[in-house]
């Protein structure tokens, strides 16, 4: 029963996404162009955030090692 509720919830989220992006109203060729632009752009944003956050955590870690006098 929990799997059915989860699937219903995921379908509801997907439908909300389609309504927000208005992709529900697009013809298939418009959807292809839309997703060809959106998916790579989202992937680049996620990759950039991943690299930036990792770098900032590393710099903060080094700063606190320096502050506490730990040479690592």
PDB file of N, CA and C in Angstrom:
ATOM      1  N   UNK A   1       0.816  -1.192   0.000  1.00  0.00           N
ATOM      2  CA  UNK A   1       0.000   0.000   0.000  1.00  0.00           C
ATOM      3  C   UNK A   1       0.870   1.270   0.000  1.00  0.00           C
ATOM      4  N   UNK A   2       2.017   1.196   0.680  1.00  0.00           N
ATOM      5  CA  UNK A   2       2.896   2.360   0.736  1.00  0.00           C
ATOM      6  C   UNK A   2       3.513   2.654  -0.628  1.00  0.00           C
ATOM      7  N   UNK A   3       3.776   1.607  -1.398  1.00  0.00           N
ATOM      8  CA  UNK A   3       4.362   1.798  -2.726  1.00  0.00           C
ATOM      9  C   UNK A   3       3.362   2.501  -3.633  1.00  0.00           C
ATOM     10  N   UNK A   4       2.098   2.146  -3.510  1.00  0.00           N
ATOM     11  CA  UNK A   4       1.073   2.787  -4.336  1.00  0.00           C
ATOM     12  C   UNK A   4       0.944   4.270  -3.991  1.00  0.00           C
ATOM     13  N   UNK A   5       1.002   4.594  -2.702  1.00  0.00           N
ATOM     14  CA  UNK A   5       0.937   6.000  -2.289  1.00  0.00           C
ATOM     15  C   UNK A   5       2.158   6.762  -2.786  1.00  0.00           C
ATOM     16  N   UNK A   6       3.332   6.120  -2.728  1.00  0.00           N
ATOM     17  CA  UNK A   6       4.549   6.763  -3.206  1.00  0.00           C
ATOM     18  C   UNK A   6       4.463   7.023  -4.708  1.00  0.00           C
ATOM     19  N   UNK A   7       3.997   6.038  -5.460  1.00  0.00           N
ATOM     20  CA  UNK A   7       3.867   6.211  -6.914  1.00  0.00           C
ATOM     21  C   UNK A   7       2.856   7.313  -7.239  1.00  0.00           C
ATOM     22  N   UNK A   8       1.762   7.368  -6.490  1.00  0.00           N
ATOM     23  CA  UNK A   8       0.766   8.419  -6.700  1.00  0.00           C
ATOM     24  C   UNK A   8       1.373   9.787  -6.407  1.00  0.00           C
ATOM     25  N   UNK A   9       2.147   9.884  -5.328  1.00  0.00           N
ATOM     26  CA  UNK A   9       2.780  11.146  -4.970  1.00  0.00           C
ATOM     27  C   UNK A   9       3.805  11.567  -6.031  1.00  0.00           C
ATOM     28  N   UNK A  10       4.613  10.610  -6.512  1.00  0.00           N
ATOM     29  CA  UNK A  10       5.601  10.937  -7.546  1.00  0.00           C
ATOM     30  C   UNK A  10       4.924  11.374  -8.843  1.00  0.00           C
ATOM     31  N   UNK A  11       3.826  10.713  -9.192  1.00  0.00           N
ATOM     32  CA  UNK A  11       3.093  11.123 -10.378  1.00  0.00           C
ATOM     33  C   UNK A  11       2.534  12.529 -10.193  1.00  0.00           C
ATOM     34  N   UNK A  12       2.033  12.824  -8.994  1.00  0.00           N
ATOM     35  CA  UNK A  12       1.506  14.169  -8.710  1.00  0.00           C
ATOM     36  C   UNK A  12       2.613  15.217  -8.833  1.00  0.00           C
ATOM     37  N   UNK A  13       3.817  14.917  -8.311  1.00  0.00           N
ATOM     38  CA  UNK A  13       4.938  15.857  -8.433  1.00  0.00           C
ATOM     39  C   UNK A  13       5.315  16.076  -9.894  1.00  0.00           C
ATOM     40  N   UNK A  14       5.338  14.999 -10.668  1.00  0.00           N
ATOM     41  CA  UNK A  14       5.666  15.110 -12.090  1.00  0.00           C
ATOM     42  C   UNK A  14       4.613  15.942 -12.817  1.00  0.00           C
ATOM     43  N   UNK A  15       3.360  15.743 -12.492  1.00  0.00           N
ATOM     44  CA  UNK A  15       2.296  16.515 -13.119  1.00  0.00           C
ATOM     45  C   UNK A  15       2.407  17.993 -12.739  1.00  0.00           C
ATOM     46  N   UNK A  16       2.739  18.286 -11.489  1.00  0.00           N
ATOM     47  CA  UNK A  16       2.946  19.670 -11.073  1.00  0.00           C
ATOM     48  C   UNK A  16       4.104  20.299 -11.847  1.00  0.00           C
ATOM     49  N   UNK A  17       5.176  19.527 -12.047  1.00  0.00           N
ATOM     50  CA  UNK A  17       6.307  20.016 -12.827  1.00  0.00           C
ATOM     51  C   UNK A  17       5.871  20.347 -14.255  1.00  0.00           C
ATOM     52  N   UNK A  18       5.092  19.459 -14.858  1.00  0.00           N
ATOM     53  CA  UNK A  18       4.636  19.697 -16.228  1.00  0.00           C
ATOM     54  C   UNK A  18       3.737  20.930 -16.295  1.00  0.00           C
ATOM     55  N   UNK A  19       2.937  21.154 -15.268  1.00  0.00           N
ATOM     56  CA  UNK A  19       2.074  22.334 -15.268  1.00  0.00           C
ATOM     57  C   UNK A  19       2.874  23.617 -15.071  1.00  0.00           C
ATOM     58  N   UNK A  20       3.864  23.574 -14.191  1.00  0.00           N
ATOM     59  CA  UNK A  20       4.667  24.766 -13.914  1.00  0.00           C
ATOM     60  C   UNK A  20       5.480  25.165 -15.140  1.00  0.00           C
ATOM     61  N   UNK A  21       6.049  24.185 -15.821  1.00  0.00           N
ATOM     62  CA  UNK A  21       6.870  24.490 -16.995  1.00  0.00           C
ATOM     63  C   UNK A  21       6.034  24.624 -18.266  1.00  0.00           C
ATOM     64  N   UNK A  22       4.742  24.414 -18.159  1.00  0.00           N
ATOM     65  CA  UNK A  22       3.813  24.473 -19.293  1.00  0.00           C
ATOM     66  C   UNK A  22       4.137  23.438 -20.361  1.00  0.00           C
ATOM     67  N   UNK A  23       4.887  22.409 -20.009  1.00  0.00           N
ATOM     68  CA  UNK A  23       5.202  21.373 -20.986  1.00  0.00           C
ATOM     69  C   UNK A  23       4.001  20.474 -21.254  1.00  0.00           C
ATOM     70  N   UNK A  24       2.985  20.572 -20.429  1.00  0.00           N
ATOM     71  CA  UNK A  24       1.755  19.819 -20.664  1.00  0.00           C
ATOM     72  C   UNK A  24       1.068  20.297 -21.944  1.00  0.00           C
ATOM     73  N   UNK A  25       1.273  21.557 -22.286  1.00  0.00           N
ATOM     74  CA  UNK A  25       0.598  22.155 -23.435  1.00  0.00           C
ATOM     75  C   UNK A  25       1.419  22.113 -24.718  1.00  0.00           C
ATOM     76  N   UNK A  26       2.651  21.602 -24.636  1.00  0.00           N
ATOM     77  CA  UNK A  26       3.538  21.603 -25.803  1.00  0.00           C
ATOM     78  C   UNK A  26       3.304  20.372 -26.678  1.00  0.00           C
ATOM     79  N   UNK A  27       3.570  20.543 -27.953  1.00  0.00           N
ATOM     80  CA  UNK A  27       3.557  19.402 -28.865  1.00  0.00           C
ATOM     81  C   UNK A  27       4.895  18.670 -28.710  1.00  0.00           C
ATOM     82  N   UNK A  28       4.996  17.422 -29.151  1.00  0.00           N
ATOM     83  CA  UNK A  28       6.223  16.648 -28.917  1.00  0.00           C
ATOM     84  C   UNK A  28       7.513  17.299 -29.427  1.00  0.00           C
ATOM     85  N   UNK A  29       7.483  17.963 -30.577  1.00  0.00           N
ATOM     86  CA  UNK A  29       8.720  18.583 -31.071  1.00  0.00           C
ATOM     87  C   UNK A  29       9.126  19.771 -30.191  1.00  0.00           C
ATOM     88  N   UNK A  30       8.170  20.493 -29.640  1.00  0.00           N
ATOM     89  CA  UNK A  30       8.487  21.585 -28.718  1.00  0.00           C
ATOM     90  C   UNK A  30       9.062  21.039 -27.420  1.00  0.00           C
ATOM     91  N   UNK A  31       8.520  19.920 -26.949  1.00  0.00           N
ATOM     92  CA  UNK A  31       9.052  19.297 -25.737  1.00  0.00           C
ATOM     93  C   UNK A  31      10.498  18.867 -25.950  1.00  0.00           C
ATOM     94  N   UNK A  32      10.799  18.325 -27.127  1.00  0.00           N
ATOM     95  CA  UNK A  32      12.157  17.889 -27.429  1.00  0.00           C
ATOM     96  C   UNK A  32      13.130  19.065 -27.358  1.00  0.00           C
ATOM     97  N   UNK A  33      12.776  20.171 -27.969  1.00  0.00           N
ATOM     98  CA  UNK A  33      13.635  21.360 -27.944  1.00  0.00           C
ATOM     99  C   UNK A  33      13.750  21.893 -26.519  1.00  0.00           C
ATOM    100  N   UNK A  34      12.644  21.940 -25.814  1.00  0.00           N
ATOM    101  CA  UNK A  34      12.626  22.452 -24.436  1.00  0.00           C
ATOM    102  C   UNK A  34      13.535  21.621 -23.535  1.00  0.00           C
ATOM    103  N   UNK A  35      13.381  20.299 -23.576  1.00  0.00           N
ATOM    104  CA  UNK A  35      14.187  19.437 -22.716  1.00  0.00           C
ATOM    105  C   UNK A  35      15.636  19.362 -23.183  1.00  0.00           C
ATOM    106  N   UNK A  36      15.892  19.567 -24.463  1.00  0.00           N
ATOM    107  CA  UNK A  36      17.263  19.598 -24.960  1.00  0.00           C
ATOM    108  C   UNK A  36      18.016  20.801 -24.394  1.00  0.00           C
ATOM    109  N   UNK A  37      17.312  21.861 -24.101  1.00  0.00           N
ATOM    110  CA  UNK A  37      17.932  23.048 -23.503  1.00  0.00           C
ATOM    111  C   UNK A  37      17.966  22.936 -21.983  1.00  0.00           C
ATOM    112  N   UNK A  38      16.875  22.515 -21.369  1.00  0.00           N
ATOM    113  CA  UNK A  38      16.746  22.522 -19.915  1.00  0.00           C
ATOM    114  C   UNK A  38      17.641  21.488 -19.235  1.00  0.00           C
ATOM    115  N   UNK A  39      17.671  20.268 -19.735  1.00  0.00           N
ATOM    116  CA  UNK A  39      18.430  19.202 -19.064  1.00  0.00           C
ATOM    117  C   UNK A  39      19.931  19.500 -19.033  1.00  0.00           C
ATOM    118  N   UNK A  40      20.568  19.876 -20.145  1.00  0.00           N
ATOM    119  CA  UNK A  40      22.004  20.214 -20.042  1.00  0.00           C
ATOM    120  C   UNK A  40      22.268  21.433 -19.156  1.00  0.00           C
ATOM    121  N   UNK A  41      21.385  22.414 -19.192  1.00  0.00           N
ATOM    122  CA  UNK A  41      21.568  23.587 -18.349  1.00  0.00           C
ATOM    123  C   UNK A  41      21.486  23.205 -16.867  1.00  0.00           C
ATOM    124  N   UNK A  42      20.535  22.354 -16.516  1.00  0.00           N
ATOM    125  CA  UNK A  42      20.409  21.884 -15.140  1.00  0.00           C
ATOM    126  C   UNK A  42      21.637  21.076 -14.733  1.00  0.00           C
ATOM    127  N   UNK A  43      22.149  20.241 -15.635  1.00  0.00           N
ATOM    128  CA  UNK A  43      23.335  19.439 -15.342  1.00  0.00           C
ATOM    129  C   UNK A  43      24.555  20.322 -15.098  1.00  0.00           C
ATOM    130  N   UNK A  44      24.709  21.376 -15.886  1.00  0.00           N
ATOM    131  CA  UNK A  44      25.835  22.295 -15.698  1.00  0.00           C
ATOM    132  C   UNK A  44      25.710  23.029 -14.360  1.00  0.00           C
ATOM    133  N   UNK A  45      24.521  23.420 -13.999  1.00  0.00           N
ATOM    134  CA  UNK A  45      24.311  24.103 -12.714  1.00  0.00           C
ATOM    135  C   UNK A  45      24.639  23.177 -11.559  1.00  0.00           C
ATOM    136  N   UNK A  46      24.172  21.939 -11.613  1.00  0.00           N
ATOM    137  CA  UNK A  46      24.455  20.979 -10.540  1.00  0.00           C
ATOM    138  C   UNK A  46      25.951  20.713 -10.439  1.00  0.00           C
ATOM    139  N   UNK A  47      26.613  20.541 -11.562  1.00  0.00           N
ATOM    140  CA  UNK A  47      28.057  20.297 -11.568  1.00  0.00           C
ATOM    141  C   UNK A  47      28.815  21.495 -10.986  1.00  0.00           C
ATOM    142  N   UNK A  48      28.429  22.693 -11.375  1.00  0.00           N
ATOM    143  CA  UNK A  48      29.100  23.897 -10.872  1.00  0.00           C
ATOM    144  C   UNK A  48      28.904  24.044  -9.374  1.00  0.00           C
ATOM    145  N   UNK A  49      27.707  23.804  -8.903  1.00  0.00           N
ATOM    146  CA  UNK A  49      27.449  23.886  -7.461  1.00  0.00           C
ATOM    147  C   UNK A  49      28.267  22.832  -6.719  1.00  0.00           C
ATOM    148  N   UNK A  50      28.328  21.626  -7.269  1.00  0.00           N
ATOM    149  CA  UNK A  50      29.111  20.561  -6.639  1.00  0.00           C
ATOM    150  C   UNK A  50      30.578  20.957  -6.516  1.00  0.00           C
ATOM    151  N   UNK A  51      31.158  21.487  -7.578  1.00  0.00           N
ATOM    152  CA  UNK A  51      32.562  21.891  -7.551  1.00  0.00           C
ATOM    153  C   UNK A  51      32.760  23.067  -6.593  1.00  0.00           C
ATOM    154  N   UNK A  52      31.876  24.061  -6.640  1.00  0.00           N
ATOM    155  CA  UNK A  52      32.020  25.246  -5.802  1.00  0.00           C
ATOM    156  C   UNK A  52      31.888  24.903  -4.323  1.00  0.00           C
ATOM    157  N   UNK A  53      30.881  24.106  -3.969  1.00  0.00           N
ATOM    158  CA  UNK A  53      30.669  23.753  -2.563  1.00  0.00           C
ATOM    159  C   UNK A  53      31.841  22.945  -2.036  1.00  0.00           C
ATOM    160  N   UNK A  54      32.348  22.009  -2.838  1.00  0.00           N
ATOM    161  CA  UNK A  54      33.494  21.208  -2.418  1.00  0.00           C
ATOM    162  C   UNK A  54      34.706  22.099  -2.165  1.00  0.00           C
ATOM    163  N   UNK A  55      34.946  23.058  -3.034  1.00  0.00           N
ATOM    164  CA  UNK A  55      36.077  23.955  -2.872  1.00  0.00           C
ATOM    165  C   UNK A  55      35.918  24.815  -1.615  1.00  0.00           C
ATOM    166  N   UNK A  56      34.719  25.309  -1.370  1.00  0.00           N
ATOM    167  CA  UNK A  56      34.497  26.157  -0.200  1.00  0.00           C
ATOM    168  C   UNK A  56      34.647  25.377   1.103  1.00  0.00           C
ATOM    169  N   UNK A  57      34.180  24.134   1.134  1.00  0.00           N
ATOM    170  CA  UNK A  57      34.346  23.302   2.333  1.00  0.00           C
ATOM    171  C   UNK A  57      35.822  23.027   2.578  1.00  0.00           C
ATOM    172  N   UNK A  58      36.566  22.768   1.520  1.00  0.00           N
ATOM    173  CA  UNK A  58      38.007  22.537   1.648  1.00  0.00           C
ATOM    174  C   UNK A  58      38.708  23.782   2.198  1.00  0.00           C
ATOM    175  N   UNK A  59      38.365  24.949   1.687  1.00  0.00           N
ATOM    176  CA  UNK A  59      38.984  26.184   2.176  1.00  0.00           C
ATOM    177  C   UNK A  59      38.621  26.462   3.630  1.00  0.00           C
ATOM    178  N   UNK A  60      37.384  26.212   4.014  1.00  0.00           N
ATOM    179  CA  UNK A  60      36.965  26.411   5.399  1.00  0.00           C
ATOM    180  C   UNK A  60      37.701  25.440   6.320  1.00  0.00           C
ATOM    181  N   UNK A  61      37.841  24.186   5.883  1.00  0.00           N
ATOM    182  CA  UNK A  61      38.561  23.193   6.675  1.00  0.00           C
ATOM    183  C   UNK A  61      40.008  23.610   6.884  1.00  0.00           C
ATOM    184  N   UNK A  62      40.667  24.081   5.830  1.00  0.00           N
ATOM    185  CA  UNK A  62      42.054  24.547   5.950  1.00  0.00           C
ATOM    186  C   UNK A  62      42.153  25.765   6.872  1.00  0.00           C
ATOM    187  N   UNK A  63      41.171  26.664   6.781  1.00  0.00           N
ATOM    188  CA  UNK A  63      41.173  27.853   7.633  1.00  0.00           C
ATOM    189  C   UNK A  63      41.096  27.462   9.100  1.00  0.00           C
ATOM    190  N   UNK A  64      40.178  26.540   9.433  1.00  0.00           N
ATOM    191  CA  UNK A  64      40.032  26.143  10.830  1.00  0.00           C
ATOM    192  C   UNK A  64      41.235  25.341  11.325  1.00  0.00           C
ATOM    193  N   UNK A  65      41.870  24.591  10.444  1.00  0.00           N
ATOM    194  CA  UNK A  65      43.115  23.921  10.842  1.00  0.00           C
ATOM    195  C   UNK A  65      44.183  24.959  11.177  1.00  0.00           C
ATOM    196  N   UNK A  66      44.248  26.011  10.379  1.00  0.00           N
ATOM    197  CA  UNK A  66      45.210  27.095  10.618  1.00  0.00           C
ATOM    198  C   UNK A  66      44.898  27.827  11.913  1.00  0.00           C
ATOM    199  N   UNK A  67      43.617  28.095  12.153  1.00  0.00           N
ATOM    200  CA  UNK A  67      43.204  28.827  13.368  1.00  0.00           C
ATOM    201  C   UNK A  67      43.550  28.037  14.621  1.00  0.00           C
ATOM    202  N   UNK A  68      43.315  26.736  14.603  1.00  0.00           N
ATOM    203  CA  UNK A  68      43.566  25.904  15.773  1.00  0.00           C
ATOM    204  C   UNK A  68      44.999  25.401  15.865  1.00  0.00           C
ATOM    205  N   UNK A  69      45.826  25.801  14.919  1.00  0.00           N
ATOM    206  CA  UNK A  69      47.246  25.485  14.968  1.00  0.00           C
ATOM    207  C   UNK A  69      47.577  24.047  14.625  1.00  0.00           C
ATOM    208  N   UNK A  70      46.715  23.392  13.928  1.00  0.00           N
ATOM    209  CA  UNK A  70      46.969  22.005  13.531  1.00  0.00           C
ATOM    210  C   UNK A  70      47.589  22.028  12.144  1.00  0.00           C
ATOM    211  N   UNK A  71      48.751  21.432  12.028  1.00  0.00           N
ATOM    212  CA  UNK A  71      49.433  21.400  10.737  1.00  0.00           C
ATOM    213  C   UNK A  71      49.141  20.045  10.091  1.00  0.00           C
ATOM    214  N   UNK A  72      48.376  20.084   8.968  1.00  0.00           N
ATOM    215  CA  UNK A  72      47.997  18.810   8.379  1.00  0.00           C
ATOM    216  C   UNK A  72      48.415  18.611   7.006  1.00  0.00           C
TER     217      UNK A  72
END
